[in-house]
Amino acid sequence: MLINELSKRTGITAHTIRFYEKSGLIKGKRLENVKSNNYFHYDEETVEKLNLIKGAKSIGFTISEIANLIDAWYNKKLSTEEKLSVCDEKLLSIENKIKELKQMQKLLNQLKKNIISSKC
């Protein structure tokens, strides 16, 4: 399939798909029997990878982490335990971010109180 169909099937814009391709997350293929254009063609595995990317982004994975995730999932064939470990690491990272955000919130609330009481 061409990039427009891939975009329709995944809900990801063609521009973003090209970005993922330049980032090495997916690869299009040129058909050897087609010499009249320079179009890339994509297969069902690319659809799967784009859905994985979309899901990983929605839960906070970075492009770099997604690249490692795709490499692990598609090339190294991780065991169930290893896949769970990847998830656990991301959960720990999210928990740490939540703690940092709560601390920032606390500091901002204190700043507001100081402003109201004219200490700042």
N, C-alpha and C. Protein backbone atom coordinates (compact mmCIF):
# COMPACT_ATOMS: atom_id res chain seq x y z
N MET A 1 0.84 -1.18 0.00
CA MET A 1 0.00 0.00 0.00
C MET A 1 0.88 1.24 0.00
N LEU A 2 0.36 2.32 -0.52
CA LEU A 2 1.08 3.59 -0.56
C LEU A 2 0.83 4.36 0.73
N ILE A 3 1.57 5.43 0.92
CA ILE A 3 1.53 6.17 2.18
C ILE A 3 0.14 6.74 2.49
N ASN A 4 -0.62 7.16 1.48
CA ASN A 4 -1.96 7.69 1.75
C ASN A 4 -2.89 6.64 2.34
N GLU A 5 -2.84 5.44 1.81
CA GLU A 5 -3.66 4.36 2.36
C GLU A 5 -3.18 3.99 3.76
N LEU A 6 -1.88 3.95 3.95
CA LEU A 6 -1.31 3.66 5.25
C LEU A 6 -1.79 4.70 6.27
N SER A 7 -1.80 5.95 5.86
CA SER A 7 -2.26 7.03 6.72
C SER A 7 -3.73 6.84 7.09
N LYS A 8 -4.55 6.49 6.13
CA LYS A 8 -5.98 6.27 6.40
C LYS A 8 -6.19 5.09 7.33
N ARG A 9 -5.43 4.03 7.15
CA ARG A 9 -5.61 2.81 7.96
C ARG A 9 -5.15 3.00 9.40
N THR A 10 -4.15 3.86 9.61
CA THR A 10 -3.59 4.02 10.95
C THR A 10 -4.05 5.28 11.66
N GLY A 11 -4.56 6.25 10.90
CA GLY A 11 -4.94 7.52 11.51
C GLY A 11 -3.74 8.41 11.79
N ILE A 12 -2.62 8.10 11.18
CA ILE A 12 -1.39 8.88 11.36
C ILE A 12 -1.13 9.62 10.05
N THR A 13 -0.80 10.90 10.14
CA THR A 13 -0.61 11.70 8.93
C THR A 13 0.59 11.20 8.12
N ALA A 14 0.54 11.46 6.83
CA ALA A 14 1.65 11.08 5.95
C ALA A 14 2.94 11.77 6.40
N HIS A 15 2.82 13.02 6.83
CA HIS A 15 3.99 13.76 7.31
C HIS A 15 4.63 13.04 8.50
N THR A 16 3.81 12.59 9.43
CA THR A 16 4.32 11.88 10.62
C THR A 16 4.90 10.53 10.22
N ILE A 17 4.26 9.85 9.28
CA ILE A 17 4.79 8.56 8.81
C ILE A 17 6.18 8.76 8.21
N ARG A 18 6.35 9.82 7.42
CA ARG A 18 7.67 10.11 6.84
C ARG A 18 8.69 10.40 7.92
N PHE A 19 8.26 11.11 8.98
CA PHE A 19 9.16 11.38 10.11
C PHE A 19 9.60 10.07 10.76
N TYR A 20 8.65 9.16 10.98
CA TYR A 20 8.98 7.87 11.58
C TYR A 20 9.93 7.08 10.68
N GLU A 21 9.74 7.22 9.39
CA GLU A 21 10.62 6.54 8.44
C GLU A 21 12.04 7.12 8.51
N LYS A 22 12.14 8.45 8.55
CA LYS A 22 13.45 9.10 8.66
C LYS A 22 14.12 8.77 9.99
N SER A 23 13.29 8.53 11.02
CA SER A 23 13.82 8.18 12.35
C SER A 23 14.23 6.71 12.43
N GLY A 24 13.92 5.94 11.39
CA GLY A 24 14.30 4.53 11.37
C GLY A 24 13.31 3.60 12.05
N LEU A 25 12.13 4.11 12.41
CA LEU A 25 11.15 3.27 13.09
C LEU A 25 10.43 2.33 12.13
N ILE A 26 10.24 2.77 10.90
CA ILE A 26 9.60 1.93 9.87
C ILE A 26 10.39 2.08 8.58
N LYS A 27 10.12 1.17 7.64
CA LYS A 27 10.79 1.23 6.34
C LYS A 27 9.80 0.91 5.24
N GLY A 28 9.78 1.78 4.25
CA GLY A 28 9.01 1.51 3.05
C GLY A 28 9.91 0.77 2.06
N LYS A 29 9.27 0.12 1.12
CA LYS A 29 10.04 -0.62 0.10
C LYS A 29 9.63 -0.14 -1.28
N ARG A 30 10.57 -0.08 -2.16
CA ARG A 30 10.27 0.23 -3.56
C ARG A 30 10.04 -1.10 -4.27
N LEU A 31 9.03 -1.15 -5.10
CA LEU A 31 8.74 -2.36 -5.84
C LEU A 31 9.70 -2.47 -7.02
N GLU A 32 10.35 -3.61 -7.12
CA GLU A 32 11.35 -3.82 -8.17
C GLU A 32 10.73 -3.78 -9.57
N ASN A 33 9.50 -4.23 -9.70
CA ASN A 33 8.87 -4.31 -11.02
C ASN A 33 8.27 -2.97 -11.46
N VAL A 34 8.29 -1.95 -10.58
CA VAL A 34 7.76 -0.62 -10.93
C VAL A 34 8.93 0.32 -11.12
N LYS A 35 9.12 0.76 -12.37
CA LYS A 35 10.25 1.65 -12.68
C LYS A 35 9.79 3.08 -12.97
N SER A 36 8.46 3.28 -13.04
CA SER A 36 7.94 4.57 -13.48
C SER A 36 7.82 5.61 -12.37
N ASN A 37 7.91 5.19 -11.10
CA ASN A 37 7.83 6.15 -10.01
C ASN A 37 8.80 5.78 -8.90
N ASN A 38 8.88 6.61 -7.94
CA ASN A 38 9.82 6.41 -6.84
C ASN A 38 9.07 6.20 -5.52
N TYR A 39 7.84 5.68 -5.60
CA TYR A 39 6.98 5.55 -4.43
C TYR A 39 7.44 4.42 -3.52
N PHE A 40 7.26 4.66 -2.21
CA PHE A 40 7.48 3.60 -1.24
C PHE A 40 6.17 2.85 -1.02
N HIS A 41 6.27 1.56 -0.80
CA HIS A 41 5.12 0.72 -0.51
C HIS A 41 5.31 0.14 0.89
N TYR A 42 4.19 -0.06 1.56
CA TYR A 42 4.22 -0.51 2.95
C TYR A 42 3.37 -1.76 3.10
N ASP A 43 3.75 -2.61 4.06
CA ASP A 43 3.06 -3.87 4.25
C ASP A 43 2.31 -3.88 5.59
N GLU A 44 1.71 -5.01 5.90
CA GLU A 44 0.92 -5.14 7.13
C GLU A 44 1.78 -5.00 8.38
N GLU A 45 3.03 -5.42 8.31
CA GLU A 45 3.92 -5.26 9.47
C GLU A 45 4.11 -3.77 9.79
N THR A 46 4.16 -2.94 8.76
CA THR A 46 4.28 -1.50 8.96
C THR A 46 3.04 -0.96 9.67
N VAL A 47 1.87 -1.46 9.30
CA VAL A 47 0.64 -1.07 9.99
C VAL A 47 0.73 -1.44 11.47
N GLU A 48 1.20 -2.66 11.75
CA GLU A 48 1.36 -3.11 13.14
C GLU A 48 2.34 -2.21 13.90
N LYS A 49 3.46 -1.90 13.25
CA LYS A 49 4.47 -1.06 13.91
C LYS A 49 3.92 0.34 14.18
N LEU A 50 3.19 0.89 13.23
CA LEU A 50 2.62 2.23 13.44
C LEU A 50 1.59 2.22 14.56
N ASN A 51 0.83 1.16 14.67
CA ASN A 51 -0.11 1.05 15.79
C ASN A 51 0.63 0.92 17.12
N LEU A 52 1.74 0.19 17.12
CA LEU A 52 2.58 0.09 18.31
C LEU A 52 3.16 1.46 18.67
N ILE A 53 3.64 2.18 17.67
CA ILE A 53 4.19 3.52 17.89
C ILE A 53 3.13 4.44 18.48
N LYS A 54 1.95 4.42 17.88
CA LYS A 54 0.86 5.28 18.34
C LYS A 54 0.51 4.96 19.80
N GLY A 55 0.42 3.70 20.12
CA GLY A 55 0.11 3.29 21.50
C GLY A 55 1.21 3.67 22.46
N ALA A 56 2.46 3.44 22.05
CA ALA A 56 3.60 3.76 22.92
C ALA A 56 3.69 5.26 23.18
N LYS A 57 3.45 6.06 22.15
CA LYS A 57 3.47 7.52 22.31
C LYS A 57 2.38 7.97 23.27
N SER A 58 1.22 7.33 23.18
CA SER A 58 0.09 7.75 24.01
C SER A 58 0.33 7.47 25.50
N ILE A 59 1.24 6.56 25.81
CA ILE A 59 1.54 6.28 27.22
C ILE A 59 2.90 6.84 27.64
N GLY A 60 3.47 7.71 26.79
CA GLY A 60 4.62 8.47 27.22
C GLY A 60 5.99 8.00 26.77
N PHE A 61 6.06 7.02 25.90
CA PHE A 61 7.37 6.58 25.41
C PHE A 61 7.93 7.64 24.46
N THR A 62 9.23 7.87 24.55
CA THR A 62 9.92 8.79 23.64
C THR A 62 10.21 8.07 22.33
N ILE A 63 10.59 8.82 21.31
CA ILE A 63 10.95 8.22 20.02
C ILE A 63 12.11 7.24 20.20
N SER A 64 13.08 7.62 21.01
CA SER A 64 14.23 6.74 21.26
C SER A 64 13.78 5.44 21.95
N GLU A 65 12.91 5.58 22.94
CA GLU A 65 12.40 4.38 23.62
C GLU A 65 11.58 3.52 22.67
N ILE A 66 10.81 4.17 21.81
CA ILE A 66 10.00 3.42 20.84
C ILE A 66 10.90 2.67 19.86
N ALA A 67 12.00 3.30 19.45
CA ALA A 67 12.94 2.62 18.55
C ALA A 67 13.48 1.36 19.22
N ASN A 68 13.84 1.46 20.49
CA ASN A 68 14.32 0.29 21.22
C ASN A 68 13.22 -0.76 21.37
N LEU A 69 12.01 -0.29 21.61
CA LEU A 69 10.88 -1.18 21.76
C LEU A 69 10.61 -1.96 20.48
N ILE A 70 10.60 -1.26 19.36
CA ILE A 70 10.37 -1.92 18.06
C ILE A 70 11.49 -2.92 17.76
N ASP A 71 12.72 -2.50 18.02
CA ASP A 71 13.86 -3.40 17.79
C ASP A 71 13.70 -4.66 18.64
N ALA A 72 13.34 -4.48 19.89
CA ALA A 72 13.19 -5.62 20.79
C ALA A 72 12.02 -6.50 20.37
N TRP A 73 10.90 -5.89 20.07
CA TRP A 73 9.69 -6.65 19.75
C TRP A 73 9.82 -7.38 18.42
N TYR A 74 10.41 -6.74 17.42
CA TYR A 74 10.41 -7.31 16.07
C TYR A 74 11.70 -8.05 15.71
N ASN A 75 12.80 -7.72 16.34
CA ASN A 75 14.05 -8.35 15.95
C ASN A 75 14.57 -9.34 16.98
N LYS A 76 14.50 -8.98 18.21
CA LYS A 76 15.08 -9.83 19.26
C LYS A 76 14.09 -10.84 19.82
N LYS A 77 12.81 -10.63 19.55
CA LYS A 77 11.78 -11.54 20.04
C LYS A 77 11.90 -11.73 21.55
N LEU A 78 11.61 -10.68 22.30
CA LEU A 78 11.70 -10.72 23.75
C LEU A 78 10.74 -11.74 24.35
N SER A 79 11.15 -12.28 25.46
CA SER A 79 10.27 -13.19 26.20
C SER A 79 9.18 -12.37 26.88
N THR A 80 8.18 -13.04 27.37
CA THR A 80 7.10 -12.36 28.09
C THR A 80 7.65 -11.62 29.30
N GLU A 81 8.57 -12.23 30.01
CA GLU A 81 9.17 -11.60 31.19
C GLU A 81 9.93 -10.33 30.82
N GLU A 82 10.63 -10.37 29.71
CA GLU A 82 11.38 -9.20 29.26
C GLU A 82 10.44 -8.08 28.82
N LYS A 83 9.36 -8.43 28.15
CA LYS A 83 8.37 -7.43 27.75
C LYS A 83 7.75 -6.78 28.98
N LEU A 84 7.43 -7.60 29.99
CA LEU A 84 6.89 -7.06 31.24
C LEU A 84 7.89 -6.15 31.93
N SER A 85 9.16 -6.48 31.83
CA SER A 85 10.20 -5.64 32.42
C SER A 85 10.24 -4.27 31.76
N VAL A 86 10.09 -4.22 30.44
CA VAL A 86 10.04 -2.95 29.71
C VAL A 86 8.88 -2.11 30.23
N CYS A 87 7.73 -2.74 30.40
CA CYS A 87 6.55 -2.04 30.92
C CYS A 87 6.79 -1.55 32.35
N ASP A 88 7.39 -2.40 33.18
CA ASP A 88 7.66 -2.02 34.57
C ASP A 88 8.62 -0.83 34.65
N GLU A 89 9.62 -0.81 33.78
CA GLU A 89 10.55 0.32 33.76
C GLU A 89 9.84 1.62 33.40
N LYS A 90 8.93 1.55 32.43
CA LYS A 90 8.20 2.75 32.04
C LYS A 90 7.25 3.18 33.16
N LEU A 91 6.61 2.23 33.83
CA LEU A 91 5.75 2.56 34.96
C LEU A 91 6.53 3.27 36.06
N LEU A 92 7.73 2.80 36.34
CA LEU A 92 8.57 3.44 37.36
C LEU A 92 8.93 4.86 36.93
N SER A 93 9.25 5.03 35.67
CA SER A 93 9.57 6.35 35.14
C SER A 93 8.38 7.30 35.29
N ILE A 94 7.19 6.81 34.99
CA ILE A 94 5.98 7.62 35.11
C ILE A 94 5.72 7.99 36.56
N GLU A 95 5.90 7.03 37.46
CA GLU A 95 5.72 7.30 38.89
C GLU A 95 6.67 8.39 39.36
N ASN A 96 7.92 8.36 38.90
CA ASN A 96 8.89 9.39 39.26
C ASN A 96 8.48 10.76 38.72
N LYS A 97 7.98 10.78 37.49
CA LYS A 97 7.51 12.04 36.91
C LYS A 97 6.33 12.61 37.71
N ILE A 98 5.43 11.73 38.13
CA ILE A 98 4.28 12.17 38.93
C ILE A 98 4.76 12.80 40.23
N LYS A 99 5.75 12.18 40.88
CA LYS A 99 6.31 12.75 42.12
C LYS A 99 6.91 14.13 41.86
N GLU A 100 7.64 14.26 40.76
CA GLU A 100 8.24 15.55 40.42
C GLU A 100 7.15 16.60 40.16
N LEU A 101 6.11 16.23 39.44
CA LEU A 101 5.02 17.16 39.14
C LEU A 101 4.29 17.57 40.42
N LYS A 102 4.10 16.64 41.34
CA LYS A 102 3.45 16.97 42.61
C LYS A 102 4.30 17.95 43.41
N GLN A 103 5.60 17.77 43.37
CA GLN A 103 6.50 18.70 44.06
C GLN A 103 6.43 20.08 43.41
N MET A 104 6.39 20.14 42.09
CA MET A 104 6.25 21.42 41.40
C MET A 104 4.93 22.09 41.76
N GLN A 105 3.88 21.30 41.83
CA GLN A 105 2.57 21.83 42.20
C GLN A 105 2.60 22.41 43.61
N LYS A 106 3.24 21.72 44.51
CA LYS A 106 3.36 22.18 45.90
C LYS A 106 4.11 23.51 45.96
N LEU A 107 5.20 23.61 45.21
CA LEU A 107 5.98 24.84 45.19
C LEU A 107 5.19 26.01 44.59
N LEU A 108 4.44 25.74 43.53
CA LEU A 108 3.62 26.79 42.92
C LEU A 108 2.50 27.26 43.85
N ASN A 109 1.90 26.33 44.56
CA ASN A 109 0.87 26.70 45.53
C ASN A 109 1.45 27.55 46.65
N GLN A 110 2.66 27.22 47.07
CA GLN A 110 3.33 28.02 48.11
C GLN A 110 3.65 29.41 47.57
N LEU A 111 4.09 29.50 46.33
CA LEU A 111 4.36 30.80 45.71
C LEU A 111 3.09 31.65 45.66
N LYS A 112 1.98 31.03 45.29
CA LYS A 112 0.70 31.76 45.28
C LYS A 112 0.37 32.30 46.66
N LYS A 113 0.55 31.47 47.68
CA LYS A 113 0.26 31.91 49.06
C LYS A 113 1.16 33.08 49.44
N ASN A 114 2.42 33.01 49.04
CA ASN A 114 3.35 34.11 49.33
C ASN A 114 2.95 35.39 48.61
N ILE A 115 2.48 35.25 47.38
CA ILE A 115 2.06 36.42 46.62
C ILE A 115 0.83 37.05 47.29
N ILE A 116 -0.11 36.22 47.67
CA ILE A 116 -1.34 36.71 48.31
C ILE A 116 -1.03 37.41 49.62
N SER A 117 -0.10 36.86 50.37
CA SER A 117 0.23 37.48 51.67
C SER A 117 1.28 38.58 51.54
N SER A 118 1.58 38.96 50.31
CA SER A 118 2.52 40.04 49.99
C SER A 118 3.94 39.78 50.44
N LYS A 119 4.32 38.53 50.53
CA LYS A 119 5.69 38.18 50.89
C LYS A 119 6.57 38.10 49.64
N CYS A 120 5.96 38.24 48.51
CA CYS A 120 6.73 38.07 47.28
C CYS A 120 6.41 39.18 46.31
